[in-house]
Amino acid sequence: MTDIKKTGPTGTAPTPAAGPEAITAIPVRHYGRYVSAVIAIGLLASIVYAFSQGQINWGALPDYFFDSRIIRGVGQTLLLTILSMAIGIVGGVLLAVMRLSKNPVTSSIAWSYIWFFRGTPVLVQLFVWFNLGLVFEYINLGPVYKDEWSSFMTPLLTALLGLGLNEAAYMAEICRAGLLSVDDGQTEASHALGMSHSKTLRRVVIPQAMRVIVPPTGNEVINMLKTTSLVAAVQFTELFRYAQDIGQNSGAPVEMYFLAAAWYLIMTSALSVGQYYLERHYARGSSRSLPQTPIQKIRANLLSLGRPKGGTA
């Protein structure tokens, strides 16, 4: 038997093969972000400097920010927004159902309504309602109601009709898109269980369509809040009209426009937070993990600061 000669010292174990070297990951540098940030800061600084050099009485803003007329205007703006959106949502749901109806008469009526009110500006509609007294001297509903048109068509009613009926046309398309997003099998299954068409809409279709309807409806509410400023043209006193009157009387019109803009920003920000939570509520059936709320995001960021790098808390 032939002995096999081994290289190396006697009794020395073979050296294990060296493993792969650890790869050091170098983060990609995004120079474009730094450049865009510098440009944005420079533009912001130039805007702030320009306004600081202008002849603006900044002290007028805190003096009138909580003025009783401004607060009354904020309340009127919110009230008009709620009432107009209520008219728009109810009318939009009815128009959407009519538009999807197999009856050609109701479908044509809904299409004609949407075509007319979406095709004409809101300000024009407001002026038409406000000046119909030049065409009709009286409003006569028989034994129900009869009065002069000027007494009947108040600035509040003009604002509600102009904003609410116009909003119904847009809400009709939003609701129609939401109803069409629900699979037809849901309706067929409900009818197979003996549910009527109206009950199927209330119990099956509309709850599932809300996930699609809520986000654009929230945008419409915010847009309606800002659109209420147009009703100042038909003598309805809301936030913008009060700010305009105060500016003319105090000699600080531009400052009062800034004040009105600040209040609109506050109200739209509050509505945006409410829209976020409403969308999160209706996303429960479609998302496995719900998006974090602002409080949860802040809490997670605070907890991450206390963790050691590369470890756990």
Foldseek 3Di string as FASTA:
>chain_A
DDDDDDDDDPPDDDDDDDDDDDDDDDDDDDVVVVVVVVVVVVVVVVVVVVVVPDPADLVVLVVCLVPPLLVQQAVVLVVLLVLLLVLQQVLLLCLLCQCPDPPVVSVVVSVVLLCVLVVDDLLVQLVCLLPCLVVDQWDDPDPPDIDGSNVVSDLSNSSSCSRNSSSNSVSNVQVNVLLVVDDVVQVVVCVVVVDDPVVSVVPPRVLNSCLSNLPVSLVVSLVSSVVSLSSVVSVDRHNNVSLCVVCVVVVRNVSSVVSSVVSSVVVNVVSVLVSLVVSQVSCVVPDPDGDDRPVRVVVVVVLVVPDPPPDDD
